[in-house]
Structures are given as structure tokens and as C-alpha cells.
Amino acid sequence: MANSSLTFTQFVILDFACLYNPLSLRELHGLLGVQKSTTTRLVNPLIEKQFLEKSKSADDGRKYELLITEPGLEIYQKTWTDLSQAIEIFYSQIPEKEKLRIGTSMVMINTAFVKSSGLI
């Protein structure tokens, strides 16, 4: 991710934290499709940078939840803005008559991805 201190995976984790706030470690493990130890290894730098807070669940003291912090939300929003601008610049280089074809193809790719991931 250009001009930010996030890797792509860290950005995805912050994205999930925004969507599911609070986000359990168990949920994140399932969303990422990685081993539990990998989830912890990926989350720890975000906690150290104070982009996420880790706390015990109010419902079950044996479980942990992740909450996005104000600095985490700021870097997440900045990264989205930077990414959107980069895509806009890239997209502006495509001839108008090709944009519809590309858009249709992207919808098909996205649908195939979502189906293969088991999200629908």
C-alpha cells in the first residue's frame, strides 16, 4: 500500500475490523482462512501500532475481540483514499469504449471469487 504503513493484509484486517466492530479473533481467523497462530502474528503489529485494541469479550471472558482505534480508522480511511485515487488514475487511461467491457468482466471475476470463497 503506497504511502502508508500498512501491508495489504493489514489493510484487509482493518477492513474486517471496521465491518464487524468488534471483531473476534475467531471470526478473523475464519475470514482470513489462515491458522490461528498466523492470525495472531498478523494482528500483533496492528496492536503494537495502536491501530487495533485487543480486549476480552464482554460476553465471554475466554474470548478476545479486536476494536479499531481512532488512529486505525484514520490510516484505514487514508489508505482507502490513496487506493481510490490510484485506481481512478489507472482507470482514466482506459479508452471509454473498453470501460464497459472491463466492468462486465470485473463483475464476473468478483462473482466467481465470492462463490469460490463460500461467502454466498
N, C-alpha and C. Protein backbone atom coordinates (compact mmCIF):
# COMPACT_ATOMS: atom_id res chain seq x y z
N MET A 1 0.85 -1.15 0.00
CA MET A 1 0.00 0.00 0.00
C MET A 1 0.91 1.24 0.00
N ALA A 2 0.93 1.93 -1.08
CA ALA A 2 1.82 3.08 -1.22
C ALA A 2 1.48 4.17 -0.21
N ASN A 3 2.52 4.85 0.28
CA ASN A 3 2.38 6.00 1.17
C ASN A 3 1.63 5.69 2.46
N SER A 4 1.69 4.47 2.94
CA SER A 4 1.09 4.16 4.24
C SER A 4 1.96 3.12 4.92
N SER A 5 1.69 2.94 6.19
CA SER A 5 2.49 1.99 6.94
C SER A 5 1.74 0.67 7.08
N LEU A 6 0.86 0.36 6.13
CA LEU A 6 0.11 -0.88 6.16
C LEU A 6 0.51 -1.80 5.02
N THR A 7 0.57 -3.09 5.31
CA THR A 7 0.66 -4.07 4.23
C THR A 7 -0.77 -4.30 3.73
N PHE A 8 -0.89 -4.98 2.60
CA PHE A 8 -2.22 -5.27 2.09
C PHE A 8 -3.02 -6.09 3.09
N THR A 9 -2.39 -7.11 3.69
CA THR A 9 -3.07 -7.96 4.67
C THR A 9 -3.51 -7.15 5.88
N GLN A 10 -2.69 -6.23 6.35
CA GLN A 10 -3.07 -5.39 7.47
C GLN A 10 -4.27 -4.52 7.11
N PHE A 11 -4.28 -4.02 5.88
CA PHE A 11 -5.42 -3.23 5.41
C PHE A 11 -6.69 -4.07 5.42
N VAL A 12 -6.59 -5.31 4.96
CA VAL A 12 -7.75 -6.22 4.94
C VAL A 12 -8.24 -6.47 6.37
N ILE A 13 -7.33 -6.65 7.31
CA ILE A 13 -7.71 -6.86 8.71
C ILE A 13 -8.44 -5.63 9.25
N LEU A 14 -7.92 -4.44 8.96
CA LEU A 14 -8.61 -3.22 9.40
C LEU A 14 -9.98 -3.10 8.74
N ASP A 15 -10.08 -3.54 7.50
CA ASP A 15 -11.36 -3.52 6.80
C ASP A 15 -12.37 -4.41 7.54
N PHE A 16 -11.96 -5.62 7.89
CA PHE A 16 -12.84 -6.51 8.66
C PHE A 16 -13.17 -5.91 10.02
N ALA A 17 -12.19 -5.27 10.66
CA ALA A 17 -12.43 -4.66 11.97
C ALA A 17 -13.47 -3.55 11.86
N CYS A 18 -13.47 -2.81 10.77
CA CYS A 18 -14.49 -1.77 10.56
C CYS A 18 -15.86 -2.39 10.32
N LEU A 19 -15.90 -3.45 9.56
CA LEU A 19 -17.17 -4.08 9.22
C LEU A 19 -17.82 -4.79 10.41
N TYR A 20 -17.01 -5.43 11.24
CA TYR A 20 -17.53 -6.29 12.30
C TYR A 20 -17.35 -5.70 13.70
N ASN A 21 -16.96 -4.48 13.82
CA ASN A 21 -16.57 -3.85 15.09
C ASN A 21 -17.58 -4.13 16.20
N PRO A 22 -17.26 -4.92 17.24
CA PRO A 22 -15.97 -5.59 17.46
C PRO A 22 -15.86 -6.88 16.64
N LEU A 23 -14.63 -7.27 16.41
CA LEU A 23 -14.30 -8.45 15.62
C LEU A 23 -13.60 -9.46 16.52
N SER A 24 -14.16 -10.66 16.64
CA SER A 24 -13.49 -11.67 17.47
C SER A 24 -12.31 -12.25 16.71
N LEU A 25 -11.32 -12.70 17.46
CA LEU A 25 -10.17 -13.35 16.81
C LEU A 25 -10.63 -14.59 16.06
N ARG A 26 -11.62 -15.27 16.60
CA ARG A 26 -12.14 -16.47 15.93
C ARG A 26 -12.77 -16.10 14.58
N GLU A 27 -13.55 -15.03 14.54
CA GLU A 27 -14.14 -14.56 13.28
C GLU A 27 -13.05 -14.20 12.28
N LEU A 28 -12.05 -13.47 12.75
CA LEU A 28 -10.97 -13.05 11.86
C LEU A 28 -10.23 -14.25 11.30
N HIS A 29 -9.97 -15.23 12.14
CA HIS A 29 -9.31 -16.47 11.70
C HIS A 29 -10.09 -17.09 10.55
N GLY A 30 -11.42 -17.16 10.67
CA GLY A 30 -12.25 -17.72 9.62
C GLY A 30 -12.27 -16.86 8.37
N LEU A 31 -12.34 -15.55 8.54
CA LEU A 31 -12.39 -14.64 7.40
C LEU A 31 -11.10 -14.67 6.59
N LEU A 32 -9.97 -14.78 7.29
CA LEU A 32 -8.68 -14.80 6.60
C LEU A 32 -8.35 -16.17 6.03
N GLY A 33 -8.95 -17.22 6.62
CA GLY A 33 -8.68 -18.57 6.15
C GLY A 33 -7.25 -19.02 6.43
N VAL A 34 -6.72 -18.59 7.57
CA VAL A 34 -5.36 -18.97 7.95
C VAL A 34 -5.39 -19.63 9.33
N GLN A 35 -4.26 -20.20 9.73
CA GLN A 35 -4.17 -20.83 11.04
C GLN A 35 -4.29 -19.78 12.14
N LYS A 36 -4.71 -20.23 13.33
CA LYS A 36 -4.89 -19.31 14.45
C LYS A 36 -3.59 -18.59 14.80
N SER A 37 -2.48 -19.32 14.76
CA SER A 37 -1.20 -18.69 15.09
C SER A 37 -0.84 -17.61 14.06
N THR A 38 -1.21 -17.83 12.82
CA THR A 38 -0.95 -16.84 11.78
C THR A 38 -1.81 -15.60 12.01
N THR A 39 -3.05 -15.81 12.41
CA THR A 39 -3.93 -14.67 12.71
C THR A 39 -3.32 -13.80 13.80
N THR A 40 -2.84 -14.43 14.86
CA THR A 40 -2.21 -13.69 15.96
C THR A 40 -0.98 -12.95 15.47
N ARG A 41 -0.17 -13.60 14.66
CA ARG A 41 1.05 -12.98 14.13
C ARG A 41 0.72 -11.78 13.24
N LEU A 42 -0.38 -11.85 12.51
CA LEU A 42 -0.78 -10.74 11.63
C LEU A 42 -1.39 -9.58 12.41
N VAL A 43 -2.07 -9.87 13.50
CA VAL A 43 -2.76 -8.86 14.29
C VAL A 43 -1.81 -8.09 15.20
N ASN A 44 -0.81 -8.77 15.73
CA ASN A 44 0.07 -8.15 16.73
C ASN A 44 0.70 -6.83 16.28
N PRO A 45 1.22 -6.72 15.05
CA PRO A 45 1.78 -5.42 14.63
C PRO A 45 0.74 -4.29 14.62
N LEU A 46 -0.51 -4.63 14.31
CA LEU A 46 -1.56 -3.61 14.32
C LEU A 46 -1.89 -3.17 15.74
N ILE A 47 -1.78 -4.08 16.67
CA ILE A 47 -1.97 -3.73 18.08
C ILE A 47 -0.79 -2.87 18.56
N GLU A 48 0.42 -3.27 18.18
CA GLU A 48 1.62 -2.52 18.57
C GLU A 48 1.60 -1.10 18.02
N LYS A 49 1.07 -0.93 16.80
CA LYS A 49 0.97 0.41 16.19
C LYS A 49 -0.24 1.18 16.71
N GLN A 50 -1.01 0.54 17.58
CA GLN A 50 -2.21 1.11 18.19
C GLN A 50 -3.31 1.40 17.16
N PHE A 51 -3.35 0.58 16.11
CA PHE A 51 -4.42 0.65 15.12
C PHE A 51 -5.60 -0.22 15.55
N LEU A 52 -5.31 -1.24 16.37
CA LEU A 52 -6.34 -2.11 16.93
C LEU A 52 -6.12 -2.22 18.43
N GLU A 53 -7.21 -2.45 19.15
CA GLU A 53 -7.15 -2.79 20.57
C GLU A 53 -7.67 -4.21 20.72
N LYS A 54 -7.02 -4.96 21.58
CA LYS A 54 -7.44 -6.33 21.86
C LYS A 54 -7.94 -6.36 23.29
N SER A 55 -9.16 -6.84 23.47
CA SER A 55 -9.72 -6.91 24.83
C SER A 55 -10.55 -8.18 24.96
N LYS A 56 -10.78 -8.57 26.22
CA LYS A 56 -11.62 -9.73 26.47
C LYS A 56 -13.06 -9.39 26.13
N SER A 57 -13.73 -10.37 25.59
CA SER A 57 -15.13 -10.20 25.22
C SER A 57 -15.98 -9.96 26.46
N ALA A 58 -16.93 -9.04 26.35
CA ALA A 58 -17.85 -8.78 27.46
C ALA A 58 -18.78 -9.97 27.65
N ASP A 59 -19.05 -10.72 26.58
CA ASP A 59 -19.94 -11.87 26.64
C ASP A 59 -19.26 -13.12 27.20
N ASP A 60 -17.98 -13.27 26.90
CA ASP A 60 -17.24 -14.48 27.30
C ASP A 60 -15.79 -14.10 27.56
N GLY A 61 -15.40 -14.08 28.81
CA GLY A 61 -14.06 -13.66 29.22
C GLY A 61 -12.94 -14.52 28.68
N ARG A 62 -13.28 -15.67 28.08
CA ARG A 62 -12.24 -16.53 27.48
C ARG A 62 -11.92 -16.12 26.05
N LYS A 63 -12.77 -15.30 25.46
CA LYS A 63 -12.60 -14.88 24.07
C LYS A 63 -12.07 -13.45 24.00
N TYR A 64 -11.35 -13.17 22.91
CA TYR A 64 -10.82 -11.83 22.70
C TYR A 64 -11.48 -11.19 21.48
N GLU A 65 -11.62 -9.87 21.57
CA GLU A 65 -12.18 -9.08 20.48
C GLU A 65 -11.19 -8.02 20.06
N LEU A 66 -11.31 -7.64 18.81
CA LEU A 66 -10.49 -6.56 18.27
C LEU A 66 -11.40 -5.38 17.97
N LEU A 67 -10.94 -4.21 18.38
CA LEU A 67 -11.66 -2.97 18.11
C LEU A 67 -10.72 -2.04 17.36
N ILE A 68 -11.23 -1.39 16.34
CA ILE A 68 -10.40 -0.43 15.61
C ILE A 68 -10.31 0.85 16.44
N THR A 69 -9.13 1.43 16.50
CA THR A 69 -8.90 2.65 17.26
C THR A 69 -9.05 3.86 16.32
N GLU A 70 -9.02 5.04 16.90
CA GLU A 70 -9.08 6.26 16.08
C GLU A 70 -7.90 6.33 15.10
N PRO A 71 -6.65 6.08 15.57
CA PRO A 71 -5.54 6.07 14.59
C PRO A 71 -5.71 4.98 13.54
N GLY A 72 -6.27 3.83 13.93
CA GLY A 72 -6.51 2.75 12.98
C GLY A 72 -7.52 3.15 11.93
N LEU A 73 -8.58 3.83 12.36
CA LEU A 73 -9.59 4.30 11.43
C LEU A 73 -9.02 5.36 10.49
N GLU A 74 -8.17 6.22 11.02
CA GLU A 74 -7.55 7.26 10.18
C GLU A 74 -6.67 6.66 9.10
N ILE A 75 -5.81 5.70 9.47
CA ILE A 75 -4.90 5.10 8.47
C ILE A 75 -5.70 4.26 7.47
N TYR A 76 -6.76 3.62 7.94
CA TYR A 76 -7.63 2.85 7.07
C TYR A 76 -8.29 3.75 6.03
N GLN A 77 -8.85 4.87 6.48
CA GLN A 77 -9.50 5.81 5.57
C GLN A 77 -8.51 6.44 4.60
N LYS A 78 -7.32 6.78 5.09
CA LYS A 78 -6.29 7.37 4.23
C LYS A 78 -5.87 6.35 3.16
N THR A 79 -5.71 5.11 3.56
CA THR A 79 -5.30 4.08 2.61
C THR A 79 -6.38 3.87 1.55
N TRP A 80 -7.67 3.88 1.98
CA TRP A 80 -8.76 3.76 1.01
C TRP A 80 -8.74 4.93 0.03
N THR A 81 -8.50 6.12 0.53
CA THR A 81 -8.44 7.30 -0.33
C THR A 81 -7.30 7.17 -1.33
N ASP A 82 -6.11 6.79 -0.85
CA ASP A 82 -4.95 6.62 -1.73
C ASP A 82 -5.22 5.55 -2.79
N LEU A 83 -5.81 4.45 -2.37
CA LEU A 83 -6.11 3.36 -3.29
C LEU A 83 -7.14 3.80 -4.33
N SER A 84 -8.16 4.51 -3.89
CA SER A 84 -9.19 5.00 -4.81
C SER A 84 -8.60 5.96 -5.85
N GLN A 85 -7.71 6.83 -5.41
CA GLN A 85 -7.07 7.76 -6.33
C GLN A 85 -6.20 7.03 -7.34
N ALA A 86 -5.47 6.02 -6.89
CA ALA A 86 -4.62 5.25 -7.81
C ALA A 86 -5.48 4.52 -8.84
N ILE A 87 -6.60 3.96 -8.40
CA ILE A 87 -7.49 3.26 -9.33
C ILE A 87 -8.09 4.25 -10.33
N GLU A 88 -8.46 5.43 -9.85
CA GLU A 88 -9.03 6.45 -10.74
C GLU A 88 -8.03 6.87 -11.81
N ILE A 89 -6.77 7.04 -11.43
CA ILE A 89 -5.73 7.40 -12.41
C ILE A 89 -5.56 6.28 -13.43
N PHE A 90 -5.50 5.06 -12.93
CA PHE A 90 -5.37 3.91 -13.81
C PHE A 90 -6.56 3.82 -14.76
N TYR A 91 -7.76 3.95 -14.21
CA TYR A 91 -9.00 3.83 -14.99
C TYR A 91 -9.11 4.92 -16.05
N SER A 92 -8.59 6.10 -15.75
CA SER A 92 -8.67 7.21 -16.70
C SER A 92 -7.84 6.95 -17.96
N GLN A 93 -6.92 6.01 -17.88
CA GLN A 93 -6.07 5.69 -19.03
C GLN A 93 -6.73 4.70 -19.99
N ILE A 94 -7.89 4.18 -19.61
CA ILE A 94 -8.58 3.18 -20.43
C ILE A 94 -9.57 3.89 -21.37
N PRO A 95 -9.54 3.55 -22.64
CA PRO A 95 -10.49 4.16 -23.58
C PRO A 95 -11.94 3.90 -23.14
N GLU A 96 -12.80 4.89 -23.36
CA GLU A 96 -14.20 4.82 -22.92
C GLU A 96 -14.90 3.55 -23.42
N LYS A 97 -14.69 3.18 -24.69
CA LYS A 97 -15.40 2.03 -25.23
C LYS A 97 -14.98 0.71 -24.58
N GLU A 98 -13.81 0.69 -23.95
CA GLU A 98 -13.33 -0.52 -23.30
C GLU A 98 -13.78 -0.61 -21.83
N LYS A 99 -14.16 0.50 -21.24
CA LYS A 99 -14.51 0.51 -19.82
C LYS A 99 -15.70 -0.39 -19.50
N LEU A 100 -16.72 -0.39 -20.34
CA LEU A 100 -17.89 -1.23 -20.11
C LEU A 100 -17.51 -2.70 -20.15
N ARG A 101 -16.71 -3.08 -21.14
CA ARG A 101 -16.26 -4.47 -21.24
C ARG A 101 -15.47 -4.89 -20.01
N ILE A 102 -14.58 -4.02 -19.57
CA ILE A 102 -13.77 -4.32 -18.40
C ILE A 102 -14.65 -4.42 -17.15
N GLY A 103 -15.60 -3.50 -17.03
CA GLY A 103 -16.52 -3.53 -15.88
C GLY A 103 -17.31 -4.82 -15.82
N THR A 104 -17.82 -5.27 -16.97
CA THR A 104 -18.57 -6.52 -17.02
C THR A 104 -17.67 -7.70 -16.64
N SER A 105 -16.47 -7.70 -17.12
CA SER A 105 -15.52 -8.77 -16.77
C SER A 105 -15.20 -8.77 -15.28
N MET A 106 -15.05 -7.59 -14.71
CA MET A 106 -14.74 -7.50 -13.28
C MET A 106 -15.90 -8.03 -12.43
N VAL A 107 -17.13 -7.76 -12.86
CA VAL A 107 -18.29 -8.30 -12.14
C VAL A 107 -18.26 -9.83 -12.18
N MET A 108 -17.95 -10.40 -13.34
CA MET A 108 -17.88 -11.86 -13.45
C MET A 108 -16.77 -12.43 -12.57
N ILE A 109 -15.62 -11.77 -12.55
CA ILE A 109 -14.50 -12.22 -11.73
C ILE A 109 -14.88 -12.14 -10.25
N ASN A 110 -15.47 -11.02 -9.84
CA ASN A 110 -15.87 -10.86 -8.45
C ASN A 110 -16.89 -11.92 -8.04
N THR A 111 -17.87 -12.19 -8.89
CA THR A 111 -18.87 -13.20 -8.59
C THR A 111 -18.23 -14.57 -8.43
N ALA A 112 -17.33 -14.91 -9.33
CA ALA A 112 -16.63 -16.20 -9.24
C ALA A 112 -15.81 -16.29 -7.95
N PHE A 113 -15.15 -15.20 -7.61
CA PHE A 113 -14.35 -15.17 -6.38
C PHE A 113 -15.21 -15.40 -5.16
N VAL A 114 -16.33 -14.68 -5.08
CA VAL A 114 -17.22 -14.77 -3.92
C VAL A 114 -17.80 -16.18 -3.83
N LYS A 115 -18.21 -16.75 -4.95
CA LYS A 115 -18.76 -18.11 -4.96
C LYS A 115 -17.73 -19.12 -4.51
N SER A 116 -16.51 -18.98 -4.99
CA SER A 116 -15.46 -19.95 -4.64
C SER A 116 -15.01 -19.81 -3.20
N SER A 117 -15.20 -18.63 -2.62
CA SER A 117 -14.80 -18.42 -1.22
C SER A 117 -15.84 -18.92 -0.24
N GLY A 118 -17.02 -19.27 -0.74
CA GLY A 118 -18.08 -19.76 0.12
C GLY A 118 -18.86 -18.66 0.82
N LEU A 119 -18.70 -17.43 0.41
CA LEU A 119 -19.40 -16.32 1.04
C LEU A 119 -20.87 -16.28 0.65
N ILE A 120 -21.21 -16.89 -0.50
CA ILE A 120 -22.63 -16.97 -0.89
C ILE A 120 -22.96 -18.39 -1.29
